[in-house]
Amino acid sequence: MVEYASLLIVFAVAGGVAALLLVSSAILGPKRPNPAKSQPFECGEQPFALPQGGLPVKFYILAMLFIIFDVELVFLFPWAVILRELGWFGIGGMFTFMLFVVAGFVYAWKKGALEFE
């Protein structure tokens, strides 16, 4: 338990700093709304029209899937670098990992998350 005390202190200090910054910006920040400041701003030009809606949800789902699979597949590089040291245990572990990655990809494909119309 003693070895986790320093980790607990770091989390407490980080939480305290975050709370202090949030509270101080709410208290000390300017509170003078202005109609000119409330207008939309695009690269120094007045916008042609206000946005009428967001992107379809499929774009966000595809972006999240890309990030998930990209981050998972980044683990292949360090594995490939030390493959000789890991031996068959490393090959089995990576095979299991890739099995889960491919299963997730097939699941997303079957659900239609990768299709656009």
PDB file of N, CA and C in Angstrom:
ATOM      1  N   MET A   1       0.822  -1.193   0.000  1.00  0.00           N
ATOM      2  CA  MET A   1       0.000   0.000   0.000  1.00  0.00           C
ATOM      3  C   MET A   1       0.862   1.251   0.000  1.00  0.00           C
ATOM      4  N   VAL A   2       2.024   1.165   0.649  1.00  0.00           N
ATOM      5  CA  VAL A   2       2.909   2.322   0.747  1.00  0.00           C
ATOM      6  C   VAL A   2       3.440   2.707  -0.636  1.00  0.00           C
ATOM      7  N   GLU A   3       3.680   1.708  -1.508  1.00  0.00           N
ATOM      8  CA  GLU A   3       4.222   2.015  -2.826  1.00  0.00           C
ATOM      9  C   GLU A   3       3.229   2.768  -3.708  1.00  0.00           C
ATOM     10  N   TYR A   4       1.945   2.713  -3.368  1.00  0.00           N
ATOM     11  CA  TYR A   4       0.926   3.438  -4.137  1.00  0.00           C
ATOM     12  C   TYR A   4       0.650   4.833  -3.579  1.00  0.00           C
ATOM     13  N   ALA A   5       1.252   5.173  -2.481  1.00  0.00           N
ATOM     14  CA  ALA A   5       1.004   6.482  -1.863  1.00  0.00           C
ATOM     15  C   ALA A   5       1.492   7.613  -2.761  1.00  0.00           C
ATOM     16  N   SER A   6       2.650   7.444  -3.377  1.00  0.00           N
ATOM     17  CA  SER A   6       3.151   8.506  -4.257  1.00  0.00           C
ATOM     18  C   SER A   6       2.254   8.679  -5.479  1.00  0.00           C
ATOM     19  N   LEU A   7       1.728   7.582  -5.990  1.00  0.00           N
ATOM     20  CA  LEU A   7       0.800   7.660  -7.120  1.00  0.00           C
ATOM     21  C   LEU A   7      -0.490   8.374  -6.715  1.00  0.00           C
ATOM     22  N   LEU A   8      -0.972   8.099  -5.533  1.00  0.00           N
ATOM     23  CA  LEU A   8      -2.167   8.771  -5.023  1.00  0.00           C
ATOM     24  C   LEU A   8      -1.910  10.262  -4.837  1.00  0.00           C
ATOM     25  N   ILE A   9      -0.735  10.614  -4.385  1.00  0.00           N
ATOM     26  CA  ILE A   9      -0.390  12.038  -4.209  1.00  0.00           C
ATOM     27  C   ILE A   9      -0.340  12.741  -5.564  1.00  0.00           C
ATOM     28  N   VAL A  10       0.225  12.100  -6.572  1.00  0.00           N
ATOM     29  CA  VAL A  10       0.291  12.696  -7.907  1.00  0.00           C
ATOM     30  C   VAL A  10      -1.112  12.923  -8.464  1.00  0.00           C
ATOM     31  N   PHE A  11      -2.005  11.943  -8.311  1.00  0.00           N
ATOM     32  CA  PHE A  11      -3.379  12.106  -8.774  1.00  0.00           C
ATOM     33  C   PHE A  11      -4.090  13.228  -8.019  1.00  0.00           C
ATOM     34  N   ALA A  12      -3.864  13.322  -6.728  1.00  0.00           N
ATOM     35  CA  ALA A  12      -4.494  14.373  -5.929  1.00  0.00           C
ATOM     36  C   ALA A  12      -3.991  15.752  -6.352  1.00  0.00           C
ATOM     37  N   VAL A  13      -2.694  15.885  -6.577  1.00  0.00           N
ATOM     38  CA  VAL A  13      -2.147  17.176  -7.010  1.00  0.00           C
ATOM     39  C   VAL A  13      -2.672  17.538  -8.395  1.00  0.00           C
ATOM     40  N   ALA A  14      -2.714  16.575  -9.318  1.00  0.00           N
ATOM     41  CA  ALA A  14      -3.228  16.841 -10.661  1.00  0.00           C
ATOM     42  C   ALA A  14      -4.699  17.244 -10.615  1.00  0.00           C
ATOM     43  N   GLY A  15      -5.493  16.567  -9.817  1.00  0.00           N
ATOM     44  CA  GLY A  15      -6.905  16.938  -9.670  1.00  0.00           C
ATOM     45  C   GLY A  15      -7.059  18.305  -9.039  1.00  0.00           C
ATOM     46  N   GLY A  16      -6.219  18.616  -8.061  1.00  0.00           N
ATOM     47  CA  GLY A  16      -6.275  19.923  -7.420  1.00  0.00           C
ATOM     48  C   GLY A  16      -5.910  21.050  -8.372  1.00  0.00           C
ATOM     49  N   VAL A  17      -4.886  20.833  -9.192  1.00  0.00           N
ATOM     50  CA  VAL A  17      -4.494  21.850 -10.171  1.00  0.00           C
ATOM     51  C   VAL A  17      -5.598  22.049 -11.202  1.00  0.00           C
ATOM     52  N   ALA A  18      -6.199  20.962 -11.673  1.00  0.00           N
ATOM     53  CA  ALA A  18      -7.292  21.077 -12.650  1.00  0.00           C
ATOM     54  C   ALA A  18      -8.470  21.827 -12.042  1.00  0.00           C
ATOM     55  N   ALA A  19      -8.848  21.492 -10.818  1.00  0.00           N
ATOM     56  CA  ALA A  19      -9.962  22.185 -10.160  1.00  0.00           C
ATOM     57  C   ALA A  19      -9.633  23.651  -9.932  1.00  0.00           C
ATOM     58  N   LEU A  20      -8.407  23.953  -9.514  1.00  0.00           N
ATOM     59  CA  LEU A  20      -7.997  25.338  -9.295  1.00  0.00           C
ATOM     60  C   LEU A  20      -8.074  26.155 -10.588  1.00  0.00           C
ATOM     61  N   LEU A  21      -7.624  25.590 -11.701  1.00  0.00           N
ATOM     62  CA  LEU A  21      -7.673  26.291 -12.978  1.00  0.00           C
ATOM     63  C   LEU A  21      -9.109  26.528 -13.434  1.00  0.00           C
ATOM     64  N   LEU A  22      -9.968  25.541 -13.261  1.00  0.00           N
ATOM     65  CA  LEU A  22     -11.369  25.711 -13.659  1.00  0.00           C
ATOM     66  C   LEU A  22     -12.073  26.770 -12.821  1.00  0.00           C
ATOM     67  N   VAL A  23     -11.880  26.720 -11.530  1.00  0.00           N
ATOM     68  CA  VAL A  23     -12.539  27.680 -10.638  1.00  0.00           C
ATOM     69  C   VAL A  23     -11.983  29.086 -10.867  1.00  0.00           C
ATOM     70  N   SER A  24     -10.671  29.218 -11.014  1.00  0.00           N
ATOM     71  CA  SER A  24     -10.093  30.551 -11.196  1.00  0.00           C
ATOM     72  C   SER A  24     -10.512  31.158 -12.528  1.00  0.00           C
ATOM     73  N   SER A  25     -10.642  30.375 -13.591  1.00  0.00           N
ATOM     74  CA  SER A  25     -11.096  30.944 -14.857  1.00  0.00           C
ATOM     75  C   SER A  25     -12.558  31.347 -14.787  1.00  0.00           C
ATOM     76  N   ALA A  26     -13.370  30.616 -14.028  1.00  0.00           N
ATOM     77  CA  ALA A  26     -14.781  30.997 -13.881  1.00  0.00           C
ATOM     78  C   ALA A  26     -14.923  32.265 -13.050  1.00  0.00           C
ATOM     79  N   ILE A  27     -14.072  32.434 -12.056  1.00  0.00           N
ATOM     80  CA  ILE A  27     -14.181  33.606 -11.187  1.00  0.00           C
ATOM     81  C   ILE A  27     -13.519  34.827 -11.815  1.00  0.00           C
ATOM     82  N   LEU A  28     -12.312  34.669 -12.366  1.00  0.00           N
ATOM     83  CA  LEU A  28     -11.534  35.803 -12.847  1.00  0.00           C
ATOM     84  C   LEU A  28     -11.757  36.142 -14.321  1.00  0.00           C
ATOM     85  N   GLY A  29     -12.413  35.273 -15.062  1.00  0.00           N
ATOM     86  CA  GLY A  29     -12.593  35.493 -16.494  1.00  0.00           C
ATOM     87  C   GLY A  29     -13.539  36.641 -16.789  1.00  0.00           C
ATOM     88  N   PRO A  30     -13.383  37.293 -17.965  1.00  0.00           N
ATOM     89  CA  PRO A  30     -14.265  38.406 -18.324  1.00  0.00           C
ATOM     90  C   PRO A  30     -15.684  37.913 -18.587  1.00  0.00           C
ATOM     91  N   LYS A  31     -16.643  38.752 -18.200  1.00  0.00           N
ATOM     92  CA  LYS A  31     -18.049  38.391 -18.361  1.00  0.00           C
ATOM     93  C   LYS A  31     -18.809  39.525 -19.034  1.00  0.00           C
ATOM     94  N   ARG A  32     -18.267  40.039 -20.143  1.00  0.00           N
ATOM     95  CA  ARG A  32     -18.922  41.120 -20.877  1.00  0.00           C
ATOM     96  C   ARG A  32     -19.306  40.624 -22.264  1.00  0.00           C
ATOM     97  N   PRO A  33     -20.497  40.042 -22.408  1.00  0.00           N
ATOM     98  CA  PRO A  33     -20.894  39.575 -23.741  1.00  0.00           C
ATOM     99  C   PRO A  33     -21.098  40.756 -24.687  1.00  0.00           C
ATOM    100  N   ASN A  34     -20.792  40.530 -25.945  1.00  0.00           N
ATOM    101  CA  ASN A  34     -20.889  41.558 -26.957  1.00  0.00           C
ATOM    102  C   ASN A  34     -21.472  40.909 -28.214  1.00  0.00           C
ATOM    103  N   PRO A  35     -22.418  41.578 -28.896  1.00  0.00           N
ATOM    104  CA  PRO A  35     -22.987  40.958 -30.103  1.00  0.00           C
ATOM    105  C   PRO A  35     -21.934  40.667 -31.170  1.00  0.00           C
ATOM    106  N   ALA A  36     -20.918  41.504 -31.278  1.00  0.00           N
ATOM    107  CA  ALA A  36     -19.871  41.263 -32.275  1.00  0.00           C
ATOM    108  C   ALA A  36     -19.050  40.030 -31.913  1.00  0.00           C
ATOM    109  N   LYS A  37     -18.841  39.799 -30.625  1.00  0.00           N
ATOM    110  CA  LYS A  37     -18.077  38.629 -30.199  1.00  0.00           C
ATOM    111  C   LYS A  37     -18.880  37.343 -30.332  1.00  0.00           C
ATOM    112  N   SER A  38     -20.199  37.445 -30.337  1.00  0.00           N
ATOM    113  CA  SER A  38     -21.054  36.263 -30.402  1.00  0.00           C
ATOM    114  C   SER A  38     -21.297  35.781 -31.825  1.00  0.00           C
ATOM    115  N   GLN A  39     -20.881  36.554 -32.829  1.00  0.00           N
ATOM    116  CA  GLN A  39     -21.099  36.146 -34.214  1.00  0.00           C
ATOM    117  C   GLN A  39     -20.126  35.047 -34.611  1.00  0.00           C
ATOM    118  N   PRO A  40     -20.562  34.165 -35.518  1.00  0.00           N
ATOM    119  CA  PRO A  40     -19.639  33.139 -36.011  1.00  0.00           C
ATOM    120  C   PRO A  40     -18.487  33.768 -36.793  1.00  0.00           C
ATOM    121  N   PHE A  41     -17.353  33.117 -36.744  1.00  0.00           N
ATOM    122  CA  PHE A  41     -16.145  33.669 -37.359  1.00  0.00           C
ATOM    123  C   PHE A  41     -15.446  32.566 -38.126  1.00  0.00           C
ATOM    124  N   GLU A  42     -15.196  32.811 -39.421  1.00  0.00           N
ATOM    125  CA  GLU A  42     -14.513  31.806 -40.236  1.00  0.00           C
ATOM    126  C   GLU A  42     -13.367  32.452 -40.991  1.00  0.00           C
ATOM    127  N   CYS A  43     -12.181  32.296 -40.530  1.00  0.00           N
ATOM    128  CA  CYS A  43     -10.969  32.736 -41.225  1.00  0.00           C
ATOM    129  C   CYS A  43     -11.011  34.216 -41.602  1.00  0.00           C
ATOM    130  N   GLY A  44     -11.554  35.060 -40.768  1.00  0.00           N
ATOM    131  CA  GLY A  44     -11.570  36.483 -41.026  1.00  0.00           C
ATOM    132  C   GLY A  44     -12.682  36.946 -41.938  1.00  0.00           C
ATOM    133  N   GLU A  45     -13.514  36.054 -42.400  1.00  0.00           N
ATOM    134  CA  GLU A  45     -14.610  36.396 -43.307  1.00  0.00           C
ATOM    135  C   GLU A  45     -15.946  36.117 -42.635  1.00  0.00           C
ATOM    136  N   GLN A  46     -16.952  36.872 -43.043  1.00  0.00           N
ATOM    137  CA  GLN A  46     -18.300  36.588 -42.567  1.00  0.00           C
ATOM    138  C   GLN A  46     -18.771  35.288 -43.226  1.00  0.00           C
ATOM    139  N   PRO A  47     -19.407  34.410 -42.478  1.00  0.00           N
ATOM    140  CA  PRO A  47     -19.869  33.148 -43.075  1.00  0.00           C
ATOM    141  C   PRO A  47     -21.015  33.405 -44.054  1.00  0.00           C
ATOM    142  N   PHE A  48     -21.096  32.551 -45.076  1.00  0.00           N
ATOM    143  CA  PHE A  48     -22.177  32.679 -46.055  1.00  0.00           C
ATOM    144  C   PHE A  48     -23.523  32.353 -45.416  1.00  0.00           C
ATOM    145  N   ALA A  49     -23.540  31.328 -44.592  1.00  0.00           N
ATOM    146  CA  ALA A  49     -24.778  30.915 -43.926  1.00  0.00           C
ATOM    147  C   ALA A  49     -24.393  30.186 -42.649  1.00  0.00           C
ATOM    148  N   LEU A  50     -25.290  30.185 -41.722  1.00  0.00           N
ATOM    149  CA  LEU A  50     -25.061  29.441 -40.485  1.00  0.00           C
ATOM    150  C   LEU A  50     -25.190  27.949 -40.770  1.00  0.00           C
ATOM    151  N   PRO A  51     -24.475  27.130 -40.050  1.00  0.00           N
ATOM    152  CA  PRO A  51     -24.573  25.687 -40.284  1.00  0.00           C
ATOM    153  C   PRO A  51     -25.991  25.195 -40.014  1.00  0.00           C
ATOM    154  N   GLN A  52     -26.467  24.344 -40.896  1.00  0.00           N
ATOM    155  CA  GLN A  52     -27.836  23.842 -40.779  1.00  0.00           C
ATOM    156  C   GLN A  52     -27.901  22.499 -40.048  1.00  0.00           C
ATOM    157  N   GLY A  53     -26.812  21.908 -39.761  1.00  0.00           N
ATOM    158  CA  GLY A  53     -26.815  20.624 -39.070  1.00  0.00           C
ATOM    159  C   GLY A  53     -25.411  20.056 -39.044  1.00  0.00           C
ATOM    160  N   GLY A  54     -25.249  18.997 -38.307  1.00  0.00           N
ATOM    161  CA  GLY A  54     -23.942  18.370 -38.207  1.00  0.00           C
ATOM    162  C   GLY A  54     -23.737  17.317 -39.277  1.00  0.00           C
ATOM    163  N   LEU A  55     -22.598  16.705 -39.233  1.00  0.00           N
ATOM    164  CA  LEU A  55     -22.309  15.604 -40.136  1.00  0.00           C
ATOM    165  C   LEU A  55     -23.118  14.391 -39.715  1.00  0.00           C
ATOM    166  N   PRO A  56     -23.381  13.498 -40.650  1.00  0.00           N
ATOM    167  CA  PRO A  56     -24.064  12.260 -40.258  1.00  0.00           C
ATOM    168  C   PRO A  56     -23.226  11.468 -39.255  1.00  0.00           C
ATOM    169  N   VAL A  57     -23.894  10.697 -38.459  1.00  0.00           N
ATOM    170  CA  VAL A  57     -23.229   9.938 -37.397  1.00  0.00           C
ATOM    171  C   VAL A  57     -22.226   8.949 -37.975  1.00  0.00           C
ATOM    172  N   LYS A  58     -22.456   8.481 -39.192  1.00  0.00           N
ATOM    173  CA  LYS A  58     -21.545   7.493 -39.791  1.00  0.00           C
ATOM    174  C   LYS A  58     -20.122   8.025 -39.910  1.00  0.00           C
ATOM    175  N   PHE A  59     -19.966   9.340 -40.143  1.00  0.00           N
ATOM    176  CA  PHE A  59     -18.623   9.912 -40.225  1.00  0.00           C
ATOM    177  C   PHE A  59     -17.905   9.790 -38.884  1.00  0.00           C
ATOM    178  N   TYR A  60     -18.612  10.060 -37.803  1.00  0.00           N
ATOM    179  CA  TYR A  60     -18.005   9.964 -36.474  1.00  0.00           C
ATOM    180  C   TYR A  60     -17.684   8.510 -36.123  1.00  0.00           C
ATOM    181  N   ILE A  61     -18.573   7.605 -36.482  1.00  0.00           N
ATOM    182  CA  ILE A  61     -18.329   6.191 -36.192  1.00  0.00           C
ATOM    183  C   ILE A  61     -17.106   5.699 -36.961  1.00  0.00           C
ATOM    184  N   LEU A  62     -17.008   6.099 -38.228  1.00  0.00           N
ATOM    185  CA  LEU A  62     -15.850   5.690 -39.018  1.00  0.00           C
ATOM    186  C   LEU A  62     -14.557   6.271 -38.450  1.00  0.00           C
ATOM    187  N   ALA A  63     -14.611   7.513 -38.003  1.00  0.00           N
ATOM    188  CA  ALA A  63     -13.421   8.131 -37.410  1.00  0.00           C
ATOM    189  C   ALA A  63     -13.008   7.402 -36.131  1.00  0.00           C
ATOM    190  N   MET A  64     -13.980   7.064 -35.295  1.00  0.00           N
ATOM    191  CA  MET A  64     -13.655   6.336 -34.058  1.00  0.00           C
ATOM    192  C   MET A  64     -13.096   4.951 -34.367  1.00  0.00           C
ATOM    193  N   LEU A  65     -13.684   4.266 -35.347  1.00  0.00           N
ATOM    194  CA  LEU A  65     -13.167   2.943 -35.715  1.00  0.00           C
ATOM    195  C   LEU A  65     -11.742   3.040 -36.253  1.00  0.00           C
ATOM    196  N   PHE A  66     -11.464   4.077 -37.052  1.00  0.00           N
ATOM    197  CA  PHE A  66     -10.109   4.254 -37.568  1.00  0.00           C
ATOM    198  C   PHE A  66      -9.123   4.443 -36.418  1.00  0.00           C
ATOM    199  N   ILE A  67      -9.476   5.282 -35.461  1.00  0.00           N
ATOM    200  CA  ILE A  67      -8.573   5.532 -34.336  1.00  0.00           C
ATOM    201  C   ILE A  67      -8.365   4.262 -33.522  1.00  0.00           C
ATOM    202  N   ILE A  68      -9.436   3.542 -33.264  1.00  0.00           N
ATOM    203  CA  ILE A  68      -9.324   2.315 -32.464  1.00  0.00           C
ATOM    204  C   ILE A  68      -8.408   1.305 -33.160  1.00  0.00           C
ATOM    205  N   PHE A  69      -8.680   1.023 -34.445  1.00  0.00           N
ATOM    206  CA  PHE A  69      -7.879   0.024 -35.146  1.00  0.00           C
ATOM    207  C   PHE A  69      -6.454   0.512 -35.384  1.00  0.00           C
ATOM    208  N   ASP A  70      -6.281   1.808 -35.587  1.00  0.00           N
ATOM    209  CA  ASP A  70      -4.947   2.355 -35.789  1.00  0.00           C
ATOM    210  C   ASP A  70      -4.110   2.211 -34.527  1.00  0.00           C
ATOM    211  N   VAL A  71      -4.682   2.534 -33.389  1.00  0.00           N
ATOM    212  CA  VAL A  71      -3.954   2.427 -32.124  1.00  0.00           C
ATOM    213  C   VAL A  71      -3.651   0.964 -31.802  1.00  0.00           C
ATOM    214  N   GLU A  72      -4.596   0.084 -32.084  1.00  0.00           N
ATOM    215  CA  GLU A  72      -4.346  -1.332 -31.817  1.00  0.00           C
ATOM    216  C   GLU A  72      -3.222  -1.878 -32.701  1.00  0.00           C
ATOM    217  N   LEU A  73      -3.208  -1.464 -33.949  1.00  0.00           N
ATOM    218  CA  LEU A  73      -2.202  -1.998 -34.864  1.00  0.00           C
ATOM    219  C   LEU A  73      -0.833  -1.372 -34.660  1.00  0.00           C
ATOM    220  N   VAL A  74      -0.740  -0.291 -33.902  1.00  0.00           N
ATOM    221  CA  VAL A  74       0.566   0.280 -33.562  1.00  0.00           C
ATOM    222  C   VAL A  74       1.358  -0.700 -32.694  1.00  0.00           C
ATOM    223  N   PHE A  75       0.667  -1.589 -31.998  1.00  0.00           N
ATOM    224  CA  PHE A  75       1.347  -2.576 -31.157  1.00  0.00           C
ATOM    225  C   PHE A  75       2.104  -3.610 -31.983  1.00  0.00           C
ATOM    226  N   LEU A  76       1.870  -3.659 -33.281  1.00  0.00           N
ATOM    227  CA  LEU A  76       2.594  -4.630 -34.111  1.00  0.00           C
ATOM    228  C   LEU A  76       4.067  -4.281 -34.262  1.00  0.00           C
ATOM    229  N   PHE A  77       4.404  -3.005 -34.293  1.00  0.00           N
ATOM    230  CA  PHE A  77       5.806  -2.616 -34.514  1.00  0.00           C
ATOM    231  C   PHE A  77       6.729  -3.071 -33.384  1.00  0.00           C
ATOM    232  N   PRO A  78       6.420  -2.745 -32.104  1.00  0.00           N
ATOM    233  CA  PRO A  78       7.326  -3.227 -31.053  1.00  0.00           C
ATOM    234  C   PRO A  78       7.376  -4.752 -30.984  1.00  0.00           C
ATOM    235  N   TRP A  79       6.279  -5.392 -31.283  1.00  0.00           N
ATOM    236  CA  TRP A  79       6.267  -6.851 -31.289  1.00  0.00           C
ATOM    237  C   TRP A  79       7.205  -7.380 -32.369  1.00  0.00           C
ATOM    238  N   ALA A  80       7.176  -6.764 -33.554  1.00  0.00           N
ATOM    239  CA  ALA A  80       8.030  -7.226 -34.640  1.00  0.00           C
ATOM    240  C   ALA A  80       9.504  -6.985 -34.337  1.00  0.00           C
ATOM    241  N   VAL A  81       9.806  -5.940 -33.580  1.00  0.00           N
ATOM    242  CA  VAL A  81      11.202  -5.628 -33.261  1.00  0.00           C
ATOM    243  C   VAL A  81      11.807  -6.682 -32.341  1.00  0.00           C
ATOM    244  N   ILE A  82      11.031  -7.162 -31.379  1.00  0.00           N
ATOM    245  CA  ILE A  82      11.592  -8.131 -30.419  1.00  0.00           C
ATOM    246  C   ILE A  82      11.038  -9.543 -30.620  1.00  0.00           C
ATOM    247  N   LEU A  83      10.626  -9.859 -31.829  1.00  0.00           N
ATOM    248  CA  LEU A  83      10.023 -11.164 -32.095  1.00  0.00           C
ATOM    249  C   LEU A  83      10.977 -12.315 -31.792  1.00  0.00           C
ATOM    250  N   ARG A  84      12.244 -12.168 -32.132  1.00  0.00           N
ATOM    251  CA  ARG A  84      13.199 -13.260 -31.889  1.00  0.00           C
ATOM    252  C   ARG A  84      13.373 -13.544 -30.398  1.00  0.00           C
ATOM    253  N   GLU A  85      13.286 -12.501 -29.584  1.00  0.00           N
ATOM    254  CA  GLU A  85      13.437 -12.700 -28.138  1.00  0.00           C
ATOM    255  C   GLU A  85      12.193 -13.338 -27.534  1.00  0.00           C
ATOM    256  N   LEU A  86      11.032 -13.070 -28.103  1.00  0.00           N
ATOM    257  CA  LEU A  86       9.783 -13.601 -27.543  1.00  0.00           C
ATOM    258  C   LEU A  86       9.570 -15.064 -27.886  1.00  0.00           C
ATOM    259  N   GLY A  87       9.989 -15.458 -29.064  1.00  0.00           N
ATOM    260  CA  GLY A  87       9.822 -16.853 -29.477  1.00  0.00           C
ATOM    261  C   GLY A  87       8.372 -17.183 -29.766  1.00  0.00           C
ATOM    262  N   TRP A  88       8.033 -18.451 -29.541  1.00  0.00           N
ATOM    263  CA  TRP A  88       6.681 -18.921 -29.846  1.00  0.00           C
ATOM    264  C   TRP A  88       5.636 -18.310 -28.922  1.00  0.00           C
ATOM    265  N   PHE A  89       6.034 -17.960 -27.717  1.00  0.00           N
ATOM    266  CA  PHE A  89       5.086 -17.309 -26.800  1.00  0.00           C
ATOM    267  C   PHE A  89       4.632 -15.969 -27.372  1.00  0.00           C
ATOM    268  N   GLY A  90       5.557 -15.215 -27.939  1.00  0.00           N
ATOM    269  CA  GLY A  90       5.221 -13.932 -28.550  1.00  0.00           C
ATOM    270  C   GLY A  90       4.352 -14.085 -29.784  1.00  0.00           C
ATOM    271  N   ILE A  91       4.630 -15.121 -30.572  1.00  0.00           N
ATOM    272  CA  ILE A  91       3.821 -15.365 -31.765  1.00  0.00           C
ATOM    273  C   ILE A  91       2.397 -15.736 -31.358  1.00  0.00           C
ATOM    274  N   GLY A  92       2.267 -16.579 -30.335  1.00  0.00           N
ATOM    275  CA  GLY A  92       0.925 -16.954 -29.864  1.00  0.00           C
ATOM    276  C   GLY A  92       0.168 -15.769 -29.294  1.00  0.00           C
ATOM    277  N   GLY A  93       0.866 -14.934 -28.539  1.00  0.00           N
ATOM    278  CA  GLY A  93       0.211 -13.747 -27.976  1.00  0.00           C
ATOM    279  C   GLY A  93      -0.236 -12.781 -29.056  1.00  0.00           C
ATOM    280  N   MET A  94       0.597 -12.576 -30.068  1.00  0.00           N
ATOM    281  CA  MET A  94       0.217 -11.666 -31.147  1.00  0.00           C
ATOM    282  C   MET A  94      -0.883 -12.273 -32.011  1.00  0.00           C
ATOM    283  N   PHE A  95      -0.870 -13.587 -32.172  1.00  0.00           N
ATOM    284  CA  PHE A  95      -1.951 -14.234 -32.910  1.00  0.00           C
ATOM    285  C   PHE A  95      -3.280 -14.032 -32.185  1.00  0.00           C
ATOM    286  N   THR A  96      -3.264 -14.167 -30.878  1.00  0.00           N
ATOM    287  CA  THR A  96      -4.477 -13.938 -30.093  1.00  0.00           C
ATOM    288  C   THR A  96      -4.922 -12.481 -30.201  1.00  0.00           C
ATOM    289  N   PHE A  97      -3.980 -11.561 -30.109  1.00  0.00           N
ATOM    290  CA  PHE A  97      -4.300 -10.139 -30.238  1.00  0.00           C
ATOM    291  C   PHE A  97      -4.901  -9.841 -31.607  1.00  0.00           C
ATOM    292  N   MET A  98      -4.281 -10.349 -32.663  1.00  0.00           N
ATOM    293  CA  MET A  98      -4.779 -10.110 -34.016  1.00  0.00           C
ATOM    294  C   MET A  98      -6.134 -10.775 -34.231  1.00  0.00           C
ATOM    295  N   LEU A  99      -6.378 -11.883 -33.561  1.00  0.00           N
ATOM    296  CA  LEU A  99      -7.689 -12.535 -33.650  1.00  0.00           C
ATOM    297  C   LEU A  99      -8.777 -11.610 -33.116  1.00  0.00           C
ATOM    298  N   PHE A 100      -8.508 -10.942 -31.999  1.00  0.00           N
ATOM    299  CA  PHE A 100      -9.475  -9.996 -31.448  1.00  0.00           C
ATOM    300  C   PHE A 100      -9.640  -8.766 -32.350  1.00  0.00           C
ATOM    301  N   VAL A 101      -8.546  -8.272 -32.925  1.00  0.00           N
ATOM    302  CA  VAL A 101      -8.622  -7.116 -33.821  1.00  0.00           C
ATOM    303  C   VAL A 101      -9.443  -7.461 -35.058  1.00  0.00           C
ATOM    304  N   VAL A 102      -9.174  -8.608 -35.650  1.00  0.00           N
ATOM    305  CA  VAL A 102      -9.918  -9.018 -36.847  1.00  0.00           C
ATOM    306  C   VAL A 102     -11.378  -9.286 -36.501  1.00  0.00           C
ATOM    307  N   ALA A 103     -11.642  -9.872 -35.350  1.00  0.00           N
ATOM    308  CA  ALA A 103     -13.033 -10.104 -34.946  1.00  0.00           C
ATOM    309  C   ALA A 103     -13.776  -8.774 -34.777  1.00  0.00           C
ATOM    310  N   GLY A 104     -13.128  -7.780 -34.207  1.00  0.00           N
ATOM    311  CA  GLY A 104     -13.752  -6.460 -34.085  1.00  0.00           C
ATOM    312  C   GLY A 104     -13.983  -5.819 -35.432  1.00  0.00           C
ATOM    313  N   PHE A 105     -13.034  -5.975 -36.352  1.00  0.00           N
ATOM    314  CA  PHE A 105     -13.185  -5.431 -37.691  1.00  0.00           C
ATOM    315  C   PHE A 105     -14.337  -6.110 -38.434  1.00  0.00           C
ATOM    316  N   VAL A 106     -14.419  -7.415 -38.339  1.00  0.00           N
ATOM    317  CA  VAL A 106     -15.512  -8.150 -38.993  1.00  0.00           C
ATOM    318  C   VAL A 106     -16.855  -7.754 -38.388  1.00  0.00           C
ATOM    319  N   TYR A 107     -16.907  -7.582 -37.083  1.00  0.00           N
ATOM    320  CA  TYR A 107     -18.143  -7.159 -36.425  1.00  0.00           C
ATOM    321  C   TYR A 107     -18.583  -5.787 -36.932  1.00  0.00           C
ATOM    322  N   ALA A 108     -17.642  -4.839 -37.026  1.00  0.00           N
ATOM    323  CA  ALA A 108     -17.976  -3.504 -37.532  1.00  0.00           C
ATOM    324  C   ALA A 108     -18.411  -3.582 -38.991  1.00  0.00           C
ATOM    325  N   TRP A 109     -17.775  -4.455 -39.759  1.00  0.00           N
ATOM    326  CA  TRP A 109     -18.132  -4.607 -41.162  1.00  0.00           C
ATOM    327  C   TRP A 109     -19.542  -5.173 -41.297  1.00  0.00           C
ATOM    328  N   LYS A 110     -19.862  -6.200 -40.511  1.00  0.00           N
ATOM    329  CA  LYS A 110     -21.190  -6.827 -40.570  1.00  0.00           C
ATOM    330  C   LYS A 110     -22.285  -5.866 -40.107  1.00  0.00           C
ATOM    331  N   LYS A 111     -21.971  -4.995 -39.172  1.00  0.00           N
ATOM    332  CA  LYS A 111     -22.960  -4.022 -38.688  1.00  0.00           C
ATOM    333  C   LYS A 111     -23.164  -2.877 -39.673  1.00  0.00           C
ATOM    334  N   GLY A 112     -22.316  -2.766 -40.707  1.00  0.00           N
ATOM    335  CA  GLY A 112     -22.457  -1.727 -41.715  1.00  0.00           C
ATOM    336  C   GLY A 112     -21.803  -0.416 -41.332  1.00  0.00           C
ATOM    337  N   ALA A 113     -20.904  -0.423 -40.364  1.00  0.00           N
ATOM    338  CA  ALA A 113     -20.254   0.820 -39.925  1.00  0.00           C
ATOM    339  C   ALA A 113     -19.245   1.333 -40.941  1.00  0.00           C
ATOM    340  N   LEU A 114     -18.835   0.499 -41.890  1.00  0.00           N
ATOM    341  CA  LEU A 114     -17.829   0.911 -42.864  1.00  0.00           C
ATOM    342  C   LEU A 114     -18.428   1.253 -44.220  1.00  0.00           C
ATOM    343  N   GLU A 115     -19.752   1.275 -44.328  1.00  0.00           N
ATOM    344  CA  GLU A 115     -20.417   1.543 -45.600  1.00  0.00           C
ATOM    345  C   GLU A 115     -20.982   2.952 -45.625  1.00  0.00           C
ATOM    346  N   PHE A 116     -20.858   3.596 -46.795  1.00  0.00           N
ATOM    347  CA  PHE A 116     -21.446   4.912 -47.001  1.00  0.00           C
ATOM    348  C   PHE A 116     -22.425   4.840 -48.151  1.00  0.00           C
ATOM    349  N   GLU A 117     -23.427   5.692 -48.103  1.00  0.00           N
ATOM    350  CA  GLU A 117     -24.440   5.710 -49.169  1.00  0.00           C
ATOM    351  C   GLU A 117     -24.453   7.036 -49.857  1.00  0.00           C
TER     352      GLU A 117
END
